[in-house]
Amino acid sequence: MKQFWKIWIIFVLVWGPLWGMEDTIADQSVSKSFLIVKSTKSYIEAKNFAQDLAKKSDIKLDLRDLDYNKEIMLTYTDTECNKNNFGYPCYVARGRYDNGVYLSVESSDAYEGFTKGYYIVVAASMEKIDKSLLYRMKRYVPDAYVKHTSVYMGCIH
């Protein structure tokens, strides 16, 4: 699956401009903000942090049934991947159609402009994070911050 995405990215970068695909991809992306409360190379550390913070802050924990995967960092179950015609392992980045406040562990590799190779604990994703939400989280995590990126909303099959 990882090889497929590498080939697809190369295809889009090389051939996309000839067919006007760069406009299509840009048109299918939206600007999103993520409230990040932790970044770590350890999935277990990120998951434990999210679980503990959920108890302290009374924010819903939503791990999306993702689990550690050596190859791509996180994956849905084999059944879920195949149900969506993705093949196993598979991962879909947060921010597509799930705006809201929740605690989740995500892969930084899935986000444009994020440092690769980290598990990030996200406390919210939406078009714009309200400052009051950021200040609320800073009571629990003083170095919480908001990071902006674009999220592709088009077909991913």
N, C-alpha and C. Protein backbone atom coordinates (compact mmCIF):
# COMPACT_ATOMS: atom_id res chain seq x y z
N MET A 1 0.83 -1.19 0.00
CA MET A 1 0.00 0.00 0.00
C MET A 1 0.87 1.25 0.00
N LYS A 2 1.95 1.22 0.79
CA LYS A 2 2.85 2.36 0.86
C LYS A 2 3.46 2.62 -0.52
N GLN A 3 3.82 1.54 -1.23
CA GLN A 3 4.39 1.66 -2.56
C GLN A 3 3.38 2.28 -3.52
N PHE A 4 2.11 1.90 -3.40
CA PHE A 4 1.07 2.47 -4.25
C PHE A 4 1.03 3.99 -4.10
N TRP A 5 1.04 4.47 -2.85
CA TRP A 5 0.96 5.91 -2.61
C TRP A 5 2.18 6.63 -3.15
N LYS A 6 3.36 6.02 -3.05
CA LYS A 6 4.57 6.64 -3.61
C LYS A 6 4.42 6.77 -5.13
N ILE A 7 3.95 5.72 -5.77
CA ILE A 7 3.77 5.75 -7.21
C ILE A 7 2.71 6.78 -7.60
N TRP A 8 1.62 6.84 -6.86
CA TRP A 8 0.54 7.79 -7.13
C TRP A 8 1.05 9.23 -6.99
N ILE A 9 1.82 9.51 -5.96
CA ILE A 9 2.35 10.87 -5.76
C ILE A 9 3.28 11.25 -6.91
N ILE A 10 4.15 10.33 -7.30
CA ILE A 10 5.05 10.60 -8.43
C ILE A 10 4.23 10.84 -9.70
N PHE A 11 3.22 10.02 -9.93
CA PHE A 11 2.35 10.18 -11.10
C PHE A 11 1.71 11.56 -11.11
N VAL A 12 1.15 11.97 -9.98
CA VAL A 12 0.48 13.27 -9.89
C VAL A 12 1.47 14.41 -10.11
N LEU A 13 2.66 14.31 -9.50
CA LEU A 13 3.65 15.37 -9.65
C LEU A 13 4.18 15.49 -11.08
N VAL A 14 4.37 14.33 -11.74
CA VAL A 14 4.94 14.34 -13.08
C VAL A 14 3.88 14.59 -14.15
N TRP A 15 2.80 13.82 -14.11
CA TRP A 15 1.80 13.88 -15.17
C TRP A 15 0.61 14.78 -14.85
N GLY A 16 0.37 15.01 -13.57
CA GLY A 16 -0.77 15.83 -13.16
C GLY A 16 -0.84 17.20 -13.82
N PRO A 17 0.28 17.96 -13.84
CA PRO A 17 0.22 19.28 -14.46
C PRO A 17 -0.17 19.24 -15.94
N LEU A 18 0.19 18.16 -16.62
CA LEU A 18 -0.16 18.05 -18.03
C LEU A 18 -1.66 17.89 -18.23
N TRP A 19 -2.34 17.34 -17.25
CA TRP A 19 -3.78 17.10 -17.36
C TRP A 19 -4.58 18.06 -16.49
N GLY A 20 -3.93 19.01 -15.84
CA GLY A 20 -4.64 19.96 -14.99
C GLY A 20 -5.06 19.37 -13.66
N MET A 21 -4.41 18.27 -13.25
CA MET A 21 -4.81 17.61 -12.00
C MET A 21 -4.46 18.43 -10.77
N GLU A 22 -3.44 19.31 -10.84
CA GLU A 22 -3.06 20.05 -9.64
C GLU A 22 -4.21 20.93 -9.17
N ASP A 23 -5.00 21.47 -10.13
CA ASP A 23 -6.15 22.27 -9.75
C ASP A 23 -7.23 21.41 -9.10
N THR A 24 -7.42 20.21 -9.63
CA THR A 24 -8.41 19.30 -9.08
C THR A 24 -8.05 18.90 -7.66
N ILE A 25 -6.78 18.57 -7.43
CA ILE A 25 -6.35 18.17 -6.09
C ILE A 25 -6.49 19.34 -5.13
N ALA A 26 -6.07 20.53 -5.54
CA ALA A 26 -6.18 21.71 -4.68
C ALA A 26 -7.65 22.01 -4.38
N ASP A 27 -8.53 21.86 -5.38
CA ASP A 27 -9.95 22.11 -5.18
C ASP A 27 -10.58 21.12 -4.21
N GLN A 28 -9.98 19.94 -4.08
CA GLN A 28 -10.54 18.90 -3.22
C GLN A 28 -9.88 18.87 -1.85
N SER A 29 -9.09 19.88 -1.53
CA SER A 29 -8.45 19.97 -0.22
C SER A 29 -9.04 21.15 0.54
N VAL A 30 -9.08 21.01 1.85
CA VAL A 30 -9.57 22.08 2.70
C VAL A 30 -8.55 22.38 3.79
N SER A 31 -8.55 23.60 4.25
CA SER A 31 -7.65 24.01 5.32
C SER A 31 -8.23 23.55 6.65
N LYS A 32 -7.41 22.89 7.44
CA LYS A 32 -7.84 22.40 8.75
C LYS A 32 -6.83 22.81 9.80
N SER A 33 -7.32 22.95 11.01
CA SER A 33 -6.47 23.22 12.17
C SER A 33 -6.57 22.03 13.11
N PHE A 34 -5.43 21.66 13.69
CA PHE A 34 -5.38 20.56 14.64
C PHE A 34 -4.82 21.07 15.95
N LEU A 35 -5.49 20.73 17.04
CA LEU A 35 -5.00 21.05 18.37
C LEU A 35 -4.18 19.86 18.83
N ILE A 36 -2.87 20.04 18.91
CA ILE A 36 -1.96 18.95 19.22
C ILE A 36 -1.47 19.11 20.66
N VAL A 37 -1.57 18.01 21.41
CA VAL A 37 -1.18 18.04 22.82
C VAL A 37 0.04 17.19 23.12
N LYS A 38 0.47 16.37 22.16
CA LYS A 38 1.67 15.54 22.36
C LYS A 38 2.15 15.01 21.03
N SER A 39 3.48 14.92 20.91
CA SER A 39 4.13 14.26 19.78
C SER A 39 5.20 13.34 20.34
N THR A 40 5.22 12.11 19.86
CA THR A 40 6.19 11.14 20.36
C THR A 40 6.46 10.09 19.31
N LYS A 41 7.59 9.44 19.40
CA LYS A 41 7.93 8.33 18.49
C LYS A 41 7.31 7.02 18.97
N SER A 42 6.73 7.02 20.17
CA SER A 42 6.18 5.80 20.77
C SER A 42 4.65 5.78 20.71
N TYR A 43 4.12 4.76 20.04
CA TYR A 43 2.67 4.63 19.98
C TYR A 43 2.08 4.39 21.38
N ILE A 44 2.71 3.53 22.16
CA ILE A 44 2.21 3.23 23.50
C ILE A 44 2.18 4.49 24.36
N GLU A 45 3.24 5.29 24.29
CA GLU A 45 3.28 6.54 25.05
C GLU A 45 2.16 7.49 24.62
N ALA A 46 1.94 7.61 23.32
CA ALA A 46 0.88 8.49 22.81
C ALA A 46 -0.50 8.00 23.25
N LYS A 47 -0.72 6.71 23.13
CA LYS A 47 -2.03 6.14 23.50
C LYS A 47 -2.28 6.30 25.00
N ASN A 48 -1.28 6.02 25.83
CA ASN A 48 -1.44 6.18 27.28
C ASN A 48 -1.69 7.64 27.65
N PHE A 49 -0.98 8.55 26.99
CA PHE A 49 -1.16 9.97 27.24
C PHE A 49 -2.59 10.40 26.91
N ALA A 50 -3.08 9.96 25.74
CA ALA A 50 -4.45 10.29 25.32
C ALA A 50 -5.48 9.74 26.30
N GLN A 51 -5.29 8.50 26.74
CA GLN A 51 -6.23 7.89 27.69
C GLN A 51 -6.24 8.64 29.02
N ASP A 52 -5.05 8.99 29.53
CA ASP A 52 -4.96 9.73 30.79
C ASP A 52 -5.57 11.12 30.68
N LEU A 53 -5.28 11.80 29.58
CA LEU A 53 -5.82 13.15 29.39
C LEU A 53 -7.34 13.12 29.23
N ALA A 54 -7.87 12.08 28.62
CA ALA A 54 -9.32 11.95 28.48
C ALA A 54 -9.98 11.89 29.85
N LYS A 55 -9.38 11.16 30.77
CA LYS A 55 -9.93 11.05 32.13
C LYS A 55 -9.86 12.39 32.86
N LYS A 56 -8.72 13.07 32.74
CA LYS A 56 -8.52 14.35 33.44
C LYS A 56 -9.40 15.46 32.88
N SER A 57 -9.51 15.52 31.57
CA SER A 57 -10.15 16.66 30.91
C SER A 57 -11.62 16.45 30.59
N ASP A 58 -12.09 15.22 30.71
CA ASP A 58 -13.47 14.87 30.36
C ASP A 58 -13.75 15.09 28.86
N ILE A 59 -12.71 14.92 28.04
CA ILE A 59 -12.86 14.98 26.59
C ILE A 59 -12.91 13.54 26.09
N LYS A 60 -13.83 13.30 25.16
CA LYS A 60 -14.04 11.96 24.62
C LYS A 60 -12.77 11.41 23.98
N LEU A 61 -12.45 10.17 24.27
CA LEU A 61 -11.35 9.46 23.62
C LEU A 61 -11.91 8.76 22.39
N ASP A 62 -11.34 9.04 21.23
CA ASP A 62 -11.80 8.44 19.98
C ASP A 62 -10.60 7.96 19.19
N LEU A 63 -10.17 6.73 19.45
CA LEU A 63 -9.00 6.17 18.78
C LEU A 63 -9.34 5.57 17.41
N ARG A 64 -10.60 5.62 17.03
CA ARG A 64 -11.08 5.18 15.71
C ARG A 64 -10.73 3.73 15.39
N ASP A 65 -10.57 2.90 16.41
CA ASP A 65 -10.22 1.48 16.21
C ASP A 65 -8.92 1.30 15.45
N LEU A 66 -8.03 2.31 15.53
CA LEU A 66 -6.71 2.20 14.92
C LEU A 66 -5.78 1.47 15.87
N ASP A 67 -4.80 0.81 15.31
CA ASP A 67 -3.81 0.13 16.13
C ASP A 67 -2.43 0.30 15.50
N TYR A 68 -1.41 0.07 16.30
CA TYR A 68 -0.02 0.16 15.85
C TYR A 68 0.22 -0.75 14.65
N ASN A 69 1.00 -0.25 13.70
CA ASN A 69 1.43 -1.06 12.57
C ASN A 69 2.87 -0.69 12.23
N LYS A 70 3.74 -1.66 12.22
CA LYS A 70 5.17 -1.43 11.99
C LYS A 70 5.43 -0.78 10.63
N GLU A 71 4.65 -1.14 9.63
CA GLU A 71 4.88 -0.67 8.26
C GLU A 71 4.43 0.78 8.04
N ILE A 72 3.23 1.13 8.50
CA ILE A 72 2.69 2.46 8.20
C ILE A 72 2.31 3.26 9.46
N MET A 73 2.75 2.82 10.62
CA MET A 73 2.53 3.46 11.92
C MET A 73 1.17 3.10 12.54
N LEU A 74 0.08 3.37 11.84
CA LEU A 74 -1.26 3.05 12.34
C LEU A 74 -2.07 2.41 11.24
N THR A 75 -3.00 1.55 11.62
CA THR A 75 -3.89 0.94 10.63
C THR A 75 -5.24 0.61 11.26
N TYR A 76 -6.23 0.57 10.39
CA TYR A 76 -7.52 0.00 10.76
C TYR A 76 -7.38 -1.52 10.70
N THR A 77 -8.38 -2.24 11.13
CA THR A 77 -8.37 -3.70 11.07
C THR A 77 -8.37 -4.15 9.61
N ASP A 78 -7.96 -5.38 9.40
CA ASP A 78 -7.97 -5.97 8.07
C ASP A 78 -9.38 -5.91 7.49
N THR A 79 -10.38 -6.22 8.30
CA THR A 79 -11.78 -6.21 7.85
C THR A 79 -12.20 -4.82 7.40
N GLU A 80 -11.87 -3.81 8.21
CA GLU A 80 -12.25 -2.42 7.89
C GLU A 80 -11.54 -1.93 6.63
N CYS A 81 -10.27 -2.24 6.50
CA CYS A 81 -9.52 -1.84 5.29
C CYS A 81 -10.14 -2.45 4.04
N ASN A 82 -10.41 -3.74 4.10
CA ASN A 82 -10.97 -4.43 2.93
C ASN A 82 -12.40 -3.98 2.63
N LYS A 83 -13.17 -3.67 3.67
CA LYS A 83 -14.54 -3.18 3.49
C LYS A 83 -14.56 -1.89 2.68
N ASN A 84 -13.50 -1.09 2.82
CA ASN A 84 -13.40 0.18 2.10
C ASN A 84 -12.53 0.09 0.84
N ASN A 85 -12.18 -1.14 0.45
CA ASN A 85 -11.37 -1.39 -0.75
C ASN A 85 -10.00 -0.73 -0.69
N PHE A 86 -9.41 -0.63 0.51
CA PHE A 86 -8.10 -0.03 0.65
C PHE A 86 -6.98 -1.06 0.66
N GLY A 87 -7.26 -2.28 1.02
CA GLY A 87 -6.20 -3.26 1.25
C GLY A 87 -5.58 -3.01 2.62
N TYR A 88 -5.01 -4.05 3.17
CA TYR A 88 -4.44 -3.95 4.53
C TYR A 88 -2.93 -3.88 4.46
N PRO A 89 -2.28 -3.06 5.25
CA PRO A 89 -2.79 -2.11 6.24
C PRO A 89 -3.26 -0.82 5.56
N CYS A 90 -4.12 -0.07 6.27
CA CYS A 90 -4.62 1.19 5.72
C CYS A 90 -4.84 2.21 6.83
N TYR A 91 -4.71 3.45 6.46
CA TYR A 91 -4.89 4.55 7.40
C TYR A 91 -5.43 5.75 6.63
N VAL A 92 -6.43 6.39 7.19
CA VAL A 92 -6.99 7.61 6.62
C VAL A 92 -6.83 8.71 7.66
N ALA A 93 -6.23 9.81 7.24
CA ALA A 93 -5.96 10.92 8.16
C ALA A 93 -7.24 11.52 8.71
N ARG A 94 -7.15 12.00 9.94
CA ARG A 94 -8.23 12.77 10.56
C ARG A 94 -8.43 14.05 9.77
N GLY A 95 -9.59 14.64 9.93
CA GLY A 95 -9.84 15.95 9.34
C GLY A 95 -10.70 15.94 8.09
N ARG A 96 -11.04 14.74 7.60
CA ARG A 96 -11.84 14.69 6.39
C ARG A 96 -13.28 15.12 6.67
N TYR A 97 -13.98 14.39 7.49
CA TYR A 97 -15.37 14.72 7.79
C TYR A 97 -15.66 14.54 9.27
N ASP A 98 -14.65 14.77 10.09
CA ASP A 98 -14.83 14.48 11.51
C ASP A 98 -14.40 15.65 12.40
N ASN A 99 -14.82 16.86 12.03
CA ASN A 99 -14.52 18.02 12.87
C ASN A 99 -15.06 17.77 14.27
N GLY A 100 -14.32 18.27 15.25
CA GLY A 100 -14.83 18.17 16.61
C GLY A 100 -13.73 18.15 17.64
N VAL A 101 -14.16 17.99 18.88
CA VAL A 101 -13.27 17.92 20.02
C VAL A 101 -13.26 16.48 20.49
N TYR A 102 -12.11 15.87 20.56
CA TYR A 102 -11.91 14.47 20.93
C TYR A 102 -10.43 14.28 21.16
N LEU A 103 -10.02 13.21 21.76
CA LEU A 103 -8.61 12.86 21.88
C LEU A 103 -8.36 11.64 21.01
N SER A 104 -7.34 11.74 20.19
CA SER A 104 -7.06 10.71 19.22
C SER A 104 -5.55 10.62 18.99
N VAL A 105 -5.07 9.44 18.63
CA VAL A 105 -3.67 9.26 18.26
C VAL A 105 -3.63 9.12 16.74
N GLU A 106 -2.80 9.95 16.10
CA GLU A 106 -2.71 9.97 14.64
C GLU A 106 -1.26 9.89 14.20
N SER A 107 -1.06 9.60 12.94
CA SER A 107 0.28 9.52 12.35
C SER A 107 0.63 10.86 11.71
N SER A 108 1.74 11.44 12.11
CA SER A 108 2.16 12.72 11.52
C SER A 108 2.48 12.58 10.04
N ASP A 109 2.80 11.37 9.60
CA ASP A 109 3.14 11.13 8.19
C ASP A 109 1.99 11.47 7.25
N ALA A 110 0.77 11.47 7.75
CA ALA A 110 -0.41 11.68 6.92
C ALA A 110 -0.71 13.15 6.66
N TYR A 111 0.06 14.05 7.29
CA TYR A 111 -0.28 15.47 7.20
C TYR A 111 0.84 16.28 6.56
N GLU A 112 0.46 17.06 5.58
CA GLU A 112 1.40 17.93 4.88
C GLU A 112 1.98 18.96 5.85
N GLY A 113 3.31 19.07 5.87
CA GLY A 113 3.96 20.06 6.71
C GLY A 113 4.25 19.61 8.13
N PHE A 114 3.85 18.39 8.50
CA PHE A 114 4.13 17.86 9.83
C PHE A 114 5.43 17.06 9.77
N THR A 115 6.21 17.09 10.83
CA THR A 115 7.44 16.30 10.90
C THR A 115 7.05 14.82 10.86
N LYS A 116 7.69 14.08 10.00
CA LYS A 116 7.36 12.67 9.79
C LYS A 116 7.88 11.78 10.91
N GLY A 117 7.19 10.66 11.12
CA GLY A 117 7.66 9.64 12.05
C GLY A 117 7.16 9.78 13.48
N TYR A 118 6.17 10.63 13.70
CA TYR A 118 5.66 10.84 15.06
C TYR A 118 4.21 10.40 15.18
N TYR A 119 3.87 9.96 16.38
CA TYR A 119 2.48 9.75 16.76
C TYR A 119 2.06 11.05 17.44
N ILE A 120 0.99 11.65 16.94
CA ILE A 120 0.53 12.90 17.52
C ILE A 120 -0.79 12.65 18.24
N VAL A 121 -0.90 13.25 19.41
CA VAL A 121 -2.16 13.19 20.14
C VAL A 121 -2.91 14.47 19.81
N VAL A 122 -4.04 14.30 19.15
CA VAL A 122 -4.86 15.41 18.69
C VAL A 122 -6.04 15.57 19.65
N ALA A 123 -6.33 16.81 20.04
CA ALA A 123 -7.46 17.08 20.93
C ALA A 123 -8.65 17.67 20.18
N ALA A 124 -8.43 18.12 18.94
CA ALA A 124 -9.53 18.67 18.14
C ALA A 124 -9.05 18.87 16.71
N SER A 125 -10.00 18.83 15.79
CA SER A 125 -9.72 19.22 14.41
C SER A 125 -10.94 19.95 13.87
N MET A 126 -10.70 21.05 13.19
CA MET A 126 -11.76 21.84 12.58
C MET A 126 -11.14 22.92 11.71
N GLU A 127 -11.98 23.70 11.05
CA GLU A 127 -11.44 24.74 10.19
C GLU A 127 -10.61 25.74 10.99
N LYS A 128 -11.10 26.12 12.16
CA LYS A 128 -10.37 27.07 13.01
C LYS A 128 -10.60 26.68 14.47
N ILE A 129 -9.51 26.50 15.20
CA ILE A 129 -9.60 26.15 16.62
C ILE A 129 -9.86 27.43 17.42
N ASP A 130 -10.90 27.41 18.21
CA ASP A 130 -11.23 28.55 19.06
C ASP A 130 -10.16 28.71 20.14
N LYS A 131 -9.75 29.95 20.40
CA LYS A 131 -8.70 30.20 21.39
C LYS A 131 -9.09 29.70 22.77
N SER A 132 -10.37 29.75 23.10
CA SER A 132 -10.80 29.28 24.43
C SER A 132 -10.54 27.78 24.58
N LEU A 133 -10.67 27.03 23.49
CA LEU A 133 -10.38 25.59 23.53
C LEU A 133 -8.89 25.36 23.73
N LEU A 134 -8.07 26.13 23.02
CA LEU A 134 -6.62 26.02 23.19
C LEU A 134 -6.24 26.34 24.64
N TYR A 135 -6.79 27.42 25.21
CA TYR A 135 -6.46 27.78 26.60
C TYR A 135 -6.96 26.72 27.59
N ARG A 136 -8.11 26.14 27.29
CA ARG A 136 -8.62 25.05 28.14
C ARG A 136 -7.64 23.88 28.17
N MET A 137 -7.12 23.51 27.00
CA MET A 137 -6.18 22.39 26.94
C MET A 137 -4.85 22.74 27.59
N LYS A 138 -4.45 24.00 27.51
CA LYS A 138 -3.18 24.41 28.12
C LYS A 138 -3.20 24.27 29.64
N ARG A 139 -4.38 24.20 30.24
CA ARG A 139 -4.46 23.93 31.69
C ARG A 139 -3.93 22.53 32.00
N TYR A 140 -4.12 21.61 31.07
CA TYR A 140 -3.67 20.23 31.25
C TYR A 140 -2.31 19.99 30.59
N VAL A 141 -2.11 20.64 29.46
CA VAL A 141 -0.88 20.45 28.67
C VAL A 141 -0.36 21.84 28.29
N PRO A 142 0.54 22.41 29.09
CA PRO A 142 1.00 23.78 28.85
C PRO A 142 1.59 24.04 27.47
N ASP A 143 2.17 23.01 26.84
CA ASP A 143 2.76 23.24 25.52
C ASP A 143 1.86 22.79 24.37
N ALA A 144 0.55 22.68 24.62
CA ALA A 144 -0.40 22.38 23.55
C ALA A 144 -0.33 23.50 22.51
N TYR A 145 -0.54 23.14 21.24
CA TYR A 145 -0.46 24.14 20.18
C TYR A 145 -1.39 23.77 19.03
N VAL A 146 -1.61 24.74 18.16
CA VAL A 146 -2.45 24.53 16.99
C VAL A 146 -1.55 24.52 15.76
N LYS A 147 -1.79 23.56 14.89
CA LYS A 147 -1.03 23.47 13.63
C LYS A 147 -2.04 23.39 12.49
N HIS A 148 -1.76 24.13 11.42
CA HIS A 148 -2.64 24.20 10.26
C HIS A 148 -2.06 23.38 9.12
N THR A 149 -2.94 22.77 8.34
CA THR A 149 -2.53 22.02 7.15
C THR A 149 -3.71 21.90 6.23
N SER A 150 -3.48 21.39 5.04
CA SER A 150 -4.60 21.10 4.15
C SER A 150 -4.85 19.60 4.20
N VAL A 151 -6.11 19.25 4.13
CA VAL A 151 -6.51 17.85 4.15
C VAL A 151 -7.26 17.55 2.85
N TYR A 152 -6.80 16.53 2.15
CA TYR A 152 -7.41 16.11 0.90
C TYR A 152 -8.78 15.50 1.18
N MET A 153 -9.81 16.01 0.51
CA MET A 153 -11.17 15.55 0.76
C MET A 153 -11.73 14.74 -0.39
N GLY A 154 -10.97 14.55 -1.45
CA GLY A 154 -11.46 13.81 -2.61
C GLY A 154 -11.44 12.32 -2.40
N CYS A 155 -11.71 11.60 -3.44
CA CYS A 155 -11.74 10.14 -3.39
C CYS A 155 -10.36 9.58 -3.07
N ILE A 156 -10.31 8.60 -2.19
CA ILE A 156 -9.03 7.99 -1.83
C ILE A 156 -8.98 6.50 -2.17
N HIS A 157 -9.88 6.05 -2.99
CA HIS A 157 -9.87 4.63 -3.40
C HIS A 157 -8.87 4.41 -4.48
